[in-house]
Amino acid sequence: MITFWLWIALRQIEAIETHSGYDFPWAPTRFIPFYGGADYHDYHHYVGEQSQSNFASVFTYCDYIYGTDKGYRYHKKVLRKLKEQSKANGAQNGASYYVPTQDLKSE
C-alpha cells in the first residue's frame, strides 16, 4: 500500500507541474531522463486533435524513436529562430514574429 500511495502522490505532483504551464528550474522532475516538462506537454495540448504527436509526457524517447515529436521539434526551431532574429534586430516586446519559410529550411 505504501508503494501505491507513493506512486499516486508522485504522479499527481508530476501532473500538476506538467499542466501548470511553467518550467520551474528547481523542479525535481528535471532529474528524470527524457522528461519533456510543461513546454513539451503544452505543445501536446496546442496541437490537440489536429495532429498525432507528443504522446509521452515523461519518457519522450518513445516520441523521438517513432517520429511523433517532429512537429514539436519544428515548433521549437521556429521559436528559436524568432528569438535570435529579435535579438539581432534589437526588437522589444510587440515586434513582428514573421519568419519566412525559406529561412527555416536553410538550416
PDB file of N, CA and C in Angstrom:
ATOM      1  N   MET A   1       0.817  -1.204   0.000  1.00  0.00           N
ATOM      2  CA  MET A   1       0.000   0.000   0.000  1.00  0.00           C
ATOM      3  C   MET A   1       0.859   1.266   0.000  1.00  0.00           C
ATOM      4  N   ILE A   2       1.995   1.193   0.678  1.00  0.00           N
ATOM      5  CA  ILE A   2       2.878   2.364   0.704  1.00  0.00           C
ATOM      6  C   ILE A   2       3.363   2.692  -0.699  1.00  0.00           C
ATOM      7  N   THR A   3       3.738   1.673  -1.459  1.00  0.00           N
ATOM      8  CA  THR A   3       4.199   1.886  -2.832  1.00  0.00           C
ATOM      9  C   THR A   3       3.091   2.506  -3.682  1.00  0.00           C
ATOM     10  N   PHE A   4       1.896   2.024  -3.520  1.00  0.00           N
ATOM     11  CA  PHE A   4       0.757   2.544  -4.267  1.00  0.00           C
ATOM     12  C   PHE A   4       0.549   4.031  -3.979  1.00  0.00           C
ATOM     13  N   TRP A   5       0.512   4.413  -2.718  1.00  0.00           N
ATOM     14  CA  TRP A   5       0.275   5.806  -2.352  1.00  0.00           C
ATOM     15  C   TRP A   5       1.445   6.705  -2.735  1.00  0.00           C
ATOM     16  N   LEU A   6       2.643   6.182  -2.658  1.00  0.00           N
ATOM     17  CA  LEU A   6       3.805   6.956  -3.104  1.00  0.00           C
ATOM     18  C   LEU A   6       3.713   7.219  -4.607  1.00  0.00           C
ATOM     19  N   TRP A   7       3.348   6.189  -5.375  1.00  0.00           N
ATOM     20  CA  TRP A   7       3.195   6.342  -6.818  1.00  0.00           C
ATOM     21  C   TRP A   7       2.104   7.363  -7.146  1.00  0.00           C
ATOM     22  N   ILE A   8       0.970   7.276  -6.488  1.00  0.00           N
ATOM     23  CA  ILE A   8      -0.127   8.227  -6.720  1.00  0.00           C
ATOM     24  C   ILE A   8       0.331   9.650  -6.412  1.00  0.00           C
ATOM     25  N   ALA A   9       1.026   9.832  -5.305  1.00  0.00           N
ATOM     26  CA  ALA A   9       1.491  11.177  -4.917  1.00  0.00           C
ATOM     27  C   ALA A   9       2.476  11.732  -5.957  1.00  0.00           C
ATOM     28  N   LEU A  10       3.424  10.912  -6.385  1.00  0.00           N
ATOM     29  CA  LEU A  10       4.408  11.374  -7.371  1.00  0.00           C
ATOM     30  C   LEU A  10       3.755  11.683  -8.717  1.00  0.00           C
ATOM     31  N   ARG A  11       2.809  10.873  -9.138  1.00  0.00           N
ATOM     32  CA  ARG A  11       2.120  11.118 -10.413  1.00  0.00           C
ATOM     33  C   ARG A  11       1.289  12.398 -10.338  1.00  0.00           C
ATOM     34  N   GLN A  12       0.690  12.676  -9.192  1.00  0.00           N
ATOM     35  CA  GLN A  12      -0.094  13.900  -9.049  1.00  0.00           C
ATOM     36  C   GLN A  12       0.805  15.134  -9.083  1.00  0.00           C
ATOM     37  N   ILE A  13       1.942  15.046  -8.426  1.00  0.00           N
ATOM     38  CA  ILE A  13       2.903  16.162  -8.459  1.00  0.00           C
ATOM     39  C   ILE A  13       3.363  16.403  -9.890  1.00  0.00           C
ATOM     40  N   GLU A  14       3.681  15.329 -10.597  1.00  0.00           N
ATOM     41  CA  GLU A  14       4.120  15.450 -11.992  1.00  0.00           C
ATOM     42  C   GLU A  14       3.007  16.030 -12.864  1.00  0.00           C
ATOM     43  N   ALA A  15       1.776  15.590 -12.673  1.00  0.00           N
ATOM     44  CA  ALA A  15       0.649  16.088 -13.470  1.00  0.00           C
ATOM     45  C   ALA A  15       0.395  17.572 -13.213  1.00  0.00           C
ATOM     46  N   ILE A  16       0.486  17.981 -11.966  1.00  0.00           N
ATOM     47  CA  ILE A  16       0.292  19.397 -11.631  1.00  0.00           C
ATOM     48  C   ILE A  16       1.384  20.242 -12.274  1.00  0.00           C
ATOM     49  N   GLU A  17       2.607  19.778 -12.166  1.00  0.00           N
ATOM     50  CA  GLU A  17       3.722  20.526 -12.767  1.00  0.00           C
ATOM     51  C   GLU A  17       3.588  20.587 -14.290  1.00  0.00           C
ATOM     52  N   THR A  18       3.249  19.474 -14.908  1.00  0.00           N
ATOM     53  CA  THR A  18       3.150  19.422 -16.366  1.00  0.00           C
ATOM     54  C   THR A  18       2.026  20.310 -16.888  1.00  0.00           C
ATOM     55  N   HIS A  19       0.902  20.343 -16.186  1.00  0.00           N
ATOM     56  CA  HIS A  19      -0.231  21.130 -16.639  1.00  0.00           C
ATOM     57  C   HIS A  19      -0.195  22.580 -16.160  1.00  0.00           C
ATOM     58  N   SER A  20       0.784  22.934 -15.349  1.00  0.00           N
ATOM     59  CA  SER A  20       0.855  24.309 -14.846  1.00  0.00           C
ATOM     60  C   SER A  20       1.231  25.295 -15.944  1.00  0.00           C
ATOM     61  N   GLY A  21       1.983  24.835 -16.934  1.00  0.00           N
ATOM     62  CA  GLY A  21       2.445  25.729 -17.988  1.00  0.00           C
ATOM     63  C   GLY A  21       3.758  26.416 -17.660  1.00  0.00           C
ATOM     64  N   TYR A  22       4.294  26.169 -16.478  1.00  0.00           N
ATOM     65  CA  TYR A  22       5.557  26.776 -16.067  1.00  0.00           C
ATOM     66  C   TYR A  22       6.660  25.733 -16.056  1.00  0.00           C
ATOM     67  N   ASP A  23       7.848  26.160 -16.436  1.00  0.00           N
ATOM     68  CA  ASP A  23       9.012  25.280 -16.442  1.00  0.00           C
ATOM     69  C   ASP A  23       9.939  25.743 -15.326  1.00  0.00           C
ATOM     70  N   PHE A  24       9.682  25.241 -14.119  1.00  0.00           N
ATOM     71  CA  PHE A  24      10.438  25.683 -12.950  1.00  0.00           C
ATOM     72  C   PHE A  24      11.847  25.098 -12.938  1.00  0.00           C
ATOM     73  N   PRO A  25      12.862  25.916 -12.723  1.00  0.00           N
ATOM     74  CA  PRO A  25      14.238  25.399 -12.708  1.00  0.00           C
ATOM     75  C   PRO A  25      14.551  24.546 -11.479  1.00  0.00           C
ATOM     76  N   TRP A  26      13.779  24.679 -10.416  1.00  0.00           N
ATOM     77  CA  TRP A  26      14.052  23.921  -9.194  1.00  0.00           C
ATOM     78  C   TRP A  26      13.217  22.640  -9.083  1.00  0.00           C
ATOM     79  N   ALA A  27      12.447  22.315 -10.086  1.00  0.00           N
ATOM     80  CA  ALA A  27      11.553  21.152 -10.023  1.00  0.00           C
ATOM     81  C   ALA A  27      12.362  19.845  -9.975  1.00  0.00           C
ATOM     82  N   PRO A  28      11.973  18.927  -9.115  1.00  0.00           N
ATOM     83  CA  PRO A  28      12.695  17.648  -9.028  1.00  0.00           C
ATOM     84  C   PRO A  28      12.552  16.790 -10.283  1.00  0.00           C
ATOM     85  N   THR A  29      11.554  17.064 -11.110  1.00  0.00           N
ATOM     86  CA  THR A  29      11.375  16.276 -12.329  1.00  0.00           C
ATOM     87  C   THR A  29      12.464  16.540 -13.364  1.00  0.00           C
ATOM     88  N   ARG A  30      13.242  17.584 -13.175  1.00  0.00           N
ATOM     89  CA  ARG A  30      14.352  17.852 -14.092  1.00  0.00           C
ATOM     90  C   ARG A  30      15.409  16.751 -14.045  1.00  0.00           C
ATOM     91  N   PHE A  31      15.396  15.965 -13.001  1.00  0.00           N
ATOM     92  CA  PHE A  31      16.371  14.881 -12.867  1.00  0.00           C
ATOM     93  C   PHE A  31      15.903  13.588 -13.529  1.00  0.00           C
ATOM     94  N   ILE A  32      14.702  13.586 -14.091  1.00  0.00           N
ATOM     95  CA  ILE A  32      14.187  12.404 -14.783  1.00  0.00           C
ATOM     96  C   ILE A  32      14.695  12.437 -16.226  1.00  0.00           C
ATOM     97  N   PRO A  33      15.423  11.409 -16.643  1.00  0.00           N
ATOM     98  CA  PRO A  33      15.913  11.400 -18.032  1.00  0.00           C
ATOM     99  C   PRO A  33      14.743  11.385 -19.021  1.00  0.00           C
ATOM    100  N   PHE A  34      14.884  12.099 -20.100  1.00  0.00           N
ATOM    101  CA  PHE A  34      13.892  12.175 -21.175  1.00  0.00           C
ATOM    102  C   PHE A  34      12.581  12.826 -20.744  1.00  0.00           C
ATOM    103  N   TYR A  35      12.596  13.624 -19.697  1.00  0.00           N
ATOM    104  CA  TYR A  35      11.375  14.281 -19.232  1.00  0.00           C
ATOM    105  C   TYR A  35      11.091  15.490 -20.114  1.00  0.00           C
ATOM    106  N   GLY A  36       9.870  15.586 -20.628  1.00  0.00           N
ATOM    107  CA  GLY A  36       9.510  16.675 -21.534  1.00  0.00           C
ATOM    108  C   GLY A  36       9.157  17.963 -20.823  1.00  0.00           C
ATOM    109  N   GLY A  37       8.496  17.863 -19.705  1.00  0.00           N
ATOM    110  CA  GLY A  37       8.132  19.040 -18.937  1.00  0.00           C
ATOM    111  C   GLY A  37       6.906  19.756 -19.472  1.00  0.00           C
ATOM    112  N   ALA A  38       6.657  20.914 -18.887  1.00  0.00           N
ATOM    113  CA  ALA A  38       5.459  21.683 -19.217  1.00  0.00           C
ATOM    114  C   ALA A  38       5.465  22.162 -20.664  1.00  0.00           C
ATOM    115  N   ASP A  39       6.610  22.560 -21.159  1.00  0.00           N
ATOM    116  CA  ASP A  39       6.716  23.058 -22.528  1.00  0.00           C
ATOM    117  C   ASP A  39       6.313  21.977 -23.533  1.00  0.00           C
ATOM    118  N   TYR A  40       6.830  20.800 -23.344  1.00  0.00           N
ATOM    119  CA  TYR A  40       6.525  19.665 -24.220  1.00  0.00           C
ATOM    120  C   TYR A  40       5.039  19.301 -24.132  1.00  0.00           C
ATOM    121  N   HIS A  41       4.522  19.286 -22.931  1.00  0.00           N
ATOM    122  CA  HIS A  41       3.126  18.920 -22.732  1.00  0.00           C
ATOM    123  C   HIS A  41       2.176  20.007 -23.243  1.00  0.00           C
ATOM    124  N   ASP A  42       2.571  21.270 -23.132  1.00  0.00           N
ATOM    125  CA  ASP A  42       1.749  22.350 -23.684  1.00  0.00           C
ATOM    126  C   ASP A  42       1.589  22.206 -25.191  1.00  0.00           C
ATOM    127  N   TYR A  43       2.667  21.803 -25.858  1.00  0.00           N
ATOM    128  CA  TYR A  43       2.563  21.591 -27.301  1.00  0.00           C
ATOM    129  C   TYR A  43       1.587  20.455 -27.600  1.00  0.00           C
ATOM    130  N   HIS A  44       1.584  19.429 -26.782  1.00  0.00           N
ATOM    131  CA  HIS A  44       0.653  18.314 -26.929  1.00  0.00           C
ATOM    132  C   HIS A  44      -0.796  18.820 -26.904  1.00  0.00           C
ATOM    133  N   HIS A  45      -1.099  19.750 -26.011  1.00  0.00           N
ATOM    134  CA  HIS A  45      -2.448  20.319 -25.944  1.00  0.00           C
ATOM    135  C   HIS A  45      -2.678  21.352 -27.045  1.00  0.00           C
ATOM    136  N   TYR A  46      -1.622  22.016 -27.466  1.00  0.00           N
ATOM    137  CA  TYR A  46      -1.718  23.030 -28.513  1.00  0.00           C
ATOM    138  C   TYR A  46      -2.179  22.415 -29.830  1.00  0.00           C
ATOM    139  N   VAL A  47      -1.588  21.287 -30.214  1.00  0.00           N
ATOM    140  CA  VAL A  47      -1.969  20.658 -31.474  1.00  0.00           C
ATOM    141  C   VAL A  47      -3.256  19.859 -31.325  1.00  0.00           C
ATOM    142  N   GLY A  48      -3.510  19.358 -30.130  1.00  0.00           N
ATOM    143  CA  GLY A  48      -4.751  18.653 -29.855  1.00  0.00           C
ATOM    144  C   GLY A  48      -5.062  17.554 -30.849  1.00  0.00           C
ATOM    145  N   GLU A  49      -6.253  17.575 -31.385  1.00  0.00           N
ATOM    146  CA  GLU A  49      -6.676  16.551 -32.325  1.00  0.00           C
ATOM    147  C   GLU A  49      -6.225  16.835 -33.752  1.00  0.00           C
ATOM    148  N   GLN A  50      -5.544  17.963 -33.979  1.00  0.00           N
ATOM    149  CA  GLN A  50      -5.075  18.312 -35.313  1.00  0.00           C
ATOM    150  C   GLN A  50      -3.931  17.417 -35.761  1.00  0.00           C
ATOM    151  N   SER A  51      -3.213  16.864 -34.833  1.00  0.00           N
ATOM    152  CA  SER A  51      -2.016  16.102 -35.158  1.00  0.00           C
ATOM    153  C   SER A  51      -1.880  14.930 -34.208  1.00  0.00           C
ATOM    154  N   GLN A  52      -1.138  13.952 -34.621  1.00  0.00           N
ATOM    155  CA  GLN A  52      -0.846  12.828 -33.741  1.00  0.00           C
ATOM    156  C   GLN A  52       0.601  12.977 -33.285  1.00  0.00           C
ATOM    157  N   SER A  53       0.785  13.674 -32.191  1.00  0.00           N
ATOM    158  CA  SER A  53       2.148  13.919 -31.734  1.00  0.00           C
ATOM    159  C   SER A  53       2.208  14.085 -30.220  1.00  0.00           C
ATOM    160  N   ASN A  54       3.405  13.967 -29.703  1.00  0.00           N
ATOM    161  CA  ASN A  54       3.723  14.159 -28.290  1.00  0.00           C
ATOM    162  C   ASN A  54       2.815  13.338 -27.381  1.00  0.00           C
ATOM    163  N   PHE A  55       2.928  12.039 -27.493  1.00  0.00           N
ATOM    164  CA  PHE A  55       2.102  11.150 -26.680  1.00  0.00           C
ATOM    165  C   PHE A  55       2.660  10.972 -25.276  1.00  0.00           C
ATOM    166  N   ALA A  56       3.964  10.977 -25.143  1.00  0.00           N
ATOM    167  CA  ALA A  56       4.592  10.717 -23.851  1.00  0.00           C
ATOM    168  C   ALA A  56       4.890  12.032 -23.143  1.00  0.00           C
ATOM    169  N   SER A  57       4.388  12.173 -21.923  1.00  0.00           N
ATOM    170  CA  SER A  57       4.659  13.415 -21.189  1.00  0.00           C
ATOM    171  C   SER A  57       5.960  13.323 -20.403  1.00  0.00           C
ATOM    172  N   VAL A  58       6.342  12.120 -20.015  1.00  0.00           N
ATOM    173  CA  VAL A  58       7.541  11.953 -19.206  1.00  0.00           C
ATOM    174  C   VAL A  58       8.668  11.331 -20.018  1.00  0.00           C
ATOM    175  N   PHE A  59       8.450  10.162 -20.569  1.00  0.00           N
ATOM    176  CA  PHE A  59       9.513   9.469 -21.293  1.00  0.00           C
ATOM    177  C   PHE A  59       9.390   9.761 -22.782  1.00  0.00           C
ATOM    178  N   THR A  60       9.945  10.888 -23.172  1.00  0.00           N
ATOM    179  CA  THR A  60       9.786  11.397 -24.526  1.00  0.00           C
ATOM    180  C   THR A  60      10.602  10.644 -25.559  1.00  0.00           C
ATOM    181  N   TYR A  61      11.444   9.730 -25.126  1.00  0.00           N
ATOM    182  CA  TYR A  61      12.256   8.994 -26.093  1.00  0.00           C
ATOM    183  C   TYR A  61      11.377   8.171 -27.037  1.00  0.00           C
ATOM    184  N   CYS A  62      10.201   7.741 -26.596  1.00  0.00           N
ATOM    185  CA  CYS A  62       9.295   6.997 -27.483  1.00  0.00           C
ATOM    186  C   CYS A  62       8.823   7.892 -28.626  1.00  0.00           C
ATOM    187  N   ASP A  63       8.487   9.142 -28.330  1.00  0.00           N
ATOM    188  CA  ASP A  63       8.092  10.073 -29.383  1.00  0.00           C
ATOM    189  C   ASP A  63       9.243  10.305 -30.358  1.00  0.00           C
ATOM    190  N   TYR A  64      10.457  10.383 -29.836  1.00  0.00           N
ATOM    191  CA  TYR A  64      11.621  10.581 -30.699  1.00  0.00           C
ATOM    192  C   TYR A  64      11.840   9.366 -31.599  1.00  0.00           C
ATOM    193  N   ILE A  65      11.781   8.170 -31.026  1.00  0.00           N
ATOM    194  CA  ILE A  65      12.017   6.941 -31.788  1.00  0.00           C
ATOM    195  C   ILE A  65      10.991   6.782 -32.913  1.00  0.00           C
ATOM    196  N   TYR A  66       9.714   7.032 -32.610  1.00  0.00           N
ATOM    197  CA  TYR A  66       8.653   6.828 -33.596  1.00  0.00           C
ATOM    198  C   TYR A  66       8.374   8.063 -34.444  1.00  0.00           C
ATOM    199  N   GLY A  67       9.095   9.150 -34.194  1.00  0.00           N
ATOM    200  CA  GLY A  67       8.955  10.346 -35.018  1.00  0.00           C
ATOM    201  C   GLY A  67       7.712  11.162 -34.759  1.00  0.00           C
ATOM    202  N   THR A  68       7.044  10.925 -33.631  1.00  0.00           N
ATOM    203  CA  THR A  68       5.820  11.667 -33.349  1.00  0.00           C
ATOM    204  C   THR A  68       6.093  13.014 -32.693  1.00  0.00           C
ATOM    205  N   ASP A  69       7.362  13.375 -32.545  1.00  0.00           N
ATOM    206  CA  ASP A  69       7.692  14.686 -31.983  1.00  0.00           C
ATOM    207  C   ASP A  69       8.278  15.628 -33.036  1.00  0.00           C
ATOM    208  N   LYS A  70       8.148  15.296 -34.297  1.00  0.00           N
ATOM    209  CA  LYS A  70       8.713  16.146 -35.353  1.00  0.00           C
ATOM    210  C   LYS A  70       8.084  17.531 -35.366  1.00  0.00           C
ATOM    211  N   GLY A  71       6.774  17.600 -35.155  1.00  0.00           N
ATOM    212  CA  GLY A  71       6.102  18.891 -35.110  1.00  0.00           C
ATOM    213  C   GLY A  71       6.608  19.752 -33.965  1.00  0.00           C
ATOM    214  N   TYR A  72       6.832  19.115 -32.822  1.00  0.00           N
ATOM    215  CA  TYR A  72       7.356  19.849 -31.663  1.00  0.00           C
ATOM    216  C   TYR A  72       8.764  20.360 -31.938  1.00  0.00           C
ATOM    217  N   ARG A  73       9.605  19.518 -32.502  1.00  0.00           N
ATOM    218  CA  ARG A  73      10.975  19.945 -32.803  1.00  0.00           C
ATOM    219  C   ARG A  73      10.982  21.087 -33.807  1.00  0.00           C
ATOM    220  N   TYR A  74      10.094  21.036 -34.812  1.00  0.00           N
ATOM    221  CA  TYR A  74       9.993  22.119 -35.787  1.00  0.00           C
ATOM    222  C   TYR A  74       9.498  23.397 -35.105  1.00  0.00           C
ATOM    223  N   HIS A  75       8.507  23.254 -34.235  1.00  0.00           N
ATOM    224  CA  HIS A  75       7.969  24.395 -33.483  1.00  0.00           C
ATOM    225  C   HIS A  75       9.072  25.066 -32.657  1.00  0.00           C
ATOM    226  N   LYS A  76       9.881  24.270 -31.971  1.00  0.00           N
ATOM    227  CA  LYS A  76      10.984  24.820 -31.175  1.00  0.00           C
ATOM    228  C   LYS A  76      12.020  25.503 -32.068  1.00  0.00           C
ATOM    229  N   LYS A  77      12.256  24.950 -33.244  1.00  0.00           N
ATOM    230  CA  LYS A  77      13.205  25.533 -34.191  1.00  0.00           C
ATOM    231  C   LYS A  77      12.721  26.911 -34.642  1.00  0.00           C
ATOM    232  N   VAL A  78      11.430  27.018 -34.933  1.00  0.00           N
ATOM    233  CA  VAL A  78      10.846  28.294 -35.349  1.00  0.00           C
ATOM    234  C   VAL A  78      10.961  29.319 -34.222  1.00  0.00           C
ATOM    235  N   LEU A  79      10.616  28.922 -33.005  1.00  0.00           N
ATOM    236  CA  LEU A  79      10.704  29.850 -31.867  1.00  0.00           C
ATOM    237  C   LEU A  79      12.133  30.290 -31.607  1.00  0.00           C
ATOM    238  N   ARG A  80      13.085  29.369 -31.730  1.00  0.00           N
ATOM    239  CA  ARG A  80      14.491  29.713 -31.534  1.00  0.00           C
ATOM    240  C   ARG A  80      14.955  30.711 -32.594  1.00  0.00           C
ATOM    241  N   LYS A  81      14.519  30.494 -33.842  1.00  0.00           N
ATOM    242  CA  LYS A  81      14.873  31.402 -34.935  1.00  0.00           C
ATOM    243  C   LYS A  81      14.285  32.790 -34.696  1.00  0.00           C
ATOM    244  N   LEU A  82      13.038  32.851 -34.240  1.00  0.00           N
ATOM    245  CA  LEU A  82      12.404  34.134 -33.941  1.00  0.00           C
ATOM    246  C   LEU A  82      13.138  34.873 -32.836  1.00  0.00           C
ATOM    247  N   LYS A  83      13.539  34.133 -31.820  1.00  0.00           N
ATOM    248  CA  LYS A  83      14.250  34.744 -30.701  1.00  0.00           C
ATOM    249  C   LYS A  83      15.594  35.305 -31.152  1.00  0.00           C
ATOM    250  N   GLU A  84      16.307  34.543 -31.978  1.00  0.00           N
ATOM    251  CA  GLU A  84      17.595  35.012 -32.488  1.00  0.00           C
ATOM    252  C   GLU A  84      17.426  36.257 -33.350  1.00  0.00           C
ATOM    253  N   GLN A  85      16.401  36.258 -34.203  1.00  0.00           N
ATOM    254  CA  GLN A  85      16.170  37.410 -35.072  1.00  0.00           C
ATOM    255  C   GLN A  85      15.769  38.642 -34.289  1.00  0.00           C
ATOM    256  N   SER A  86      14.957  38.460 -33.256  1.00  0.00           N
ATOM    257  CA  SER A  86      14.549  39.630 -32.480  1.00  0.00           C
ATOM    258  C   SER A  86      15.726  40.202 -31.701  1.00  0.00           C
ATOM    259  N   LYS A  87      16.635  39.342 -31.227  1.00  0.00           N
ATOM    260  CA  LYS A  87      17.835  39.833 -30.548  1.00  0.00           C
ATOM    261  C   LYS A  87      18.749  40.550 -31.530  1.00  0.00           C
ATOM    262  N   ALA A  88      18.895  39.999 -32.725  1.00  0.00           N
ATOM    263  CA  ALA A  88      19.767  40.603 -33.737  1.00  0.00           C
ATOM    264  C   ALA A  88      19.232  41.956 -34.194  1.00  0.00           C
ATOM    265  N   ASN A  89      17.910  42.081 -34.258  1.00  0.00           N
ATOM    266  CA  ASN A  89      17.300  43.331 -34.706  1.00  0.00           C
ATOM    267  C   ASN A  89      17.091  44.317 -33.569  1.00  0.00           C
ATOM    268  N   GLY A  90      17.375  43.902 -32.359  1.00  0.00           N
ATOM    269  CA  GLY A  90      17.163  44.768 -31.209  1.00  0.00           C
ATOM    270  C   GLY A  90      15.697  44.985 -30.910  1.00  0.00           C
ATOM    271  N   ALA A  91      14.856  44.055 -31.327  1.00  0.00           N
ATOM    272  CA  ALA A  91      13.414  44.198 -31.155  1.00  0.00           C
ATOM    273  C   ALA A  91      13.022  44.046 -29.696  1.00  0.00           C
ATOM    274  N   GLN A  92      12.024  44.788 -29.328  1.00  0.00           N
ATOM    275  CA  GLN A  92      11.459  44.704 -27.988  1.00  0.00           C
ATOM    276  C   GLN A  92      10.120  43.991 -28.077  1.00  0.00           C
ATOM    277  N   ASN A  93       9.404  43.922 -26.986  1.00  0.00           N
ATOM    278  CA  ASN A  93       8.069  43.315 -26.987  1.00  0.00           C
ATOM    279  C   ASN A  93       7.178  43.991 -28.009  1.00  0.00           C
ATOM    280  N   GLY A  94       6.368  43.186 -28.686  1.00  0.00           N
ATOM    281  CA  GLY A  94       5.453  43.724 -29.683  1.00  0.00           C
ATOM    282  C   GLY A  94       6.028  43.744 -31.076  1.00  0.00           C
ATOM    283  N   ALA A  95       7.234  43.260 -31.262  1.00  0.00           N
ATOM    284  CA  ALA A  95       7.841  43.236 -32.588  1.00  0.00           C
ATOM    285  C   ALA A  95       7.187  42.155 -33.440  1.00  0.00           C
ATOM    286  N   SER A  96       7.427  42.215 -34.726  1.00  0.00           N
ATOM    287  CA  SER A  96       6.846  41.246 -35.650  1.00  0.00           C
ATOM    288  C   SER A  96       7.492  39.879 -35.456  1.00  0.00           C
ATOM    289  N   TYR A  97       6.670  38.836 -35.545  1.00  0.00           N
ATOM    290  CA  TYR A  97       7.175  37.473 -35.386  1.00  0.00           C
ATOM    291  C   TYR A  97       7.092  36.696 -36.690  1.00  0.00           C
ATOM    292  N   TYR A  98       7.070  37.385 -37.787  1.00  0.00           N
ATOM    293  CA  TYR A  98       7.002  36.721 -39.080  1.00  0.00           C
ATOM    294  C   TYR A  98       8.379  36.226 -39.477  1.00  0.00           C
ATOM    295  N   VAL A  99       8.475  34.946 -39.809  1.00  0.00           N
ATOM    296  CA  VAL A  99       9.723  34.368 -40.299  1.00  0.00           C
ATOM    297  C   VAL A  99       9.419  33.689 -41.618  1.00  0.00           C
ATOM    298  N   PRO A 100      10.044  34.128 -42.701  1.00  0.00           N
ATOM    299  CA  PRO A 100       9.808  33.468 -43.983  1.00  0.00           C
ATOM    300  C   PRO A 100      10.195  31.997 -43.928  1.00  0.00           C
ATOM    301  N   THR A 101       9.423  31.162 -44.578  1.00  0.00           N
ATOM    302  CA  THR A 101       9.637  29.716 -44.557  1.00  0.00           C
ATOM    303  C   THR A 101      10.997  29.330 -45.114  1.00  0.00           C
ATOM    304  N   GLN A 102      11.477  30.032 -46.151  1.00  0.00           N
ATOM    305  CA  GLN A 102      12.755  29.664 -46.732  1.00  0.00           C
ATOM    306  C   GLN A 102      13.909  29.848 -45.751  1.00  0.00           C
ATOM    307  N   ASP A 103      13.795  30.782 -44.801  1.00  0.00           N
ATOM    308  CA  ASP A 103      14.831  30.956 -43.782  1.00  0.00           C
ATOM    309  C   ASP A 103      14.938  29.741 -42.882  1.00  0.00           C
ATOM    310  N   LEU A 104      13.824  29.097 -42.592  1.00  0.00           N
ATOM    311  CA  LEU A 104      13.822  27.927 -41.723  1.00  0.00           C
ATOM    312  C   LEU A 104      14.365  26.698 -42.442  1.00  0.00           C
ATOM    313  N   LYS A 105      14.098  26.588 -43.733  1.00  0.00           N
ATOM    314  CA  LYS A 105      14.549  25.421 -44.494  1.00  0.00           C
ATOM    315  C   LYS A 105      16.045  25.458 -44.757  1.00  0.00           C
ATOM    316  N   SER A 106      16.657  26.640 -44.696  1.00  0.00           N
ATOM    317  CA  SER A 106      18.082  26.751 -44.991  1.00  0.00           C
ATOM    318  C   SER A 106      18.973  26.157 -43.924  1.00  0.00           C
ATOM    319  N   GLU A 107      18.408  25.878 -42.742  1.00  0.00           N
ATOM    320  CA  GLU A 107      19.231  25.355 -41.659  1.00  0.00           C
ATOM    321  C   GLU A 107      19.476  23.897 -41.793  1.00  0.00           C
TER     322      GLU A 107
END
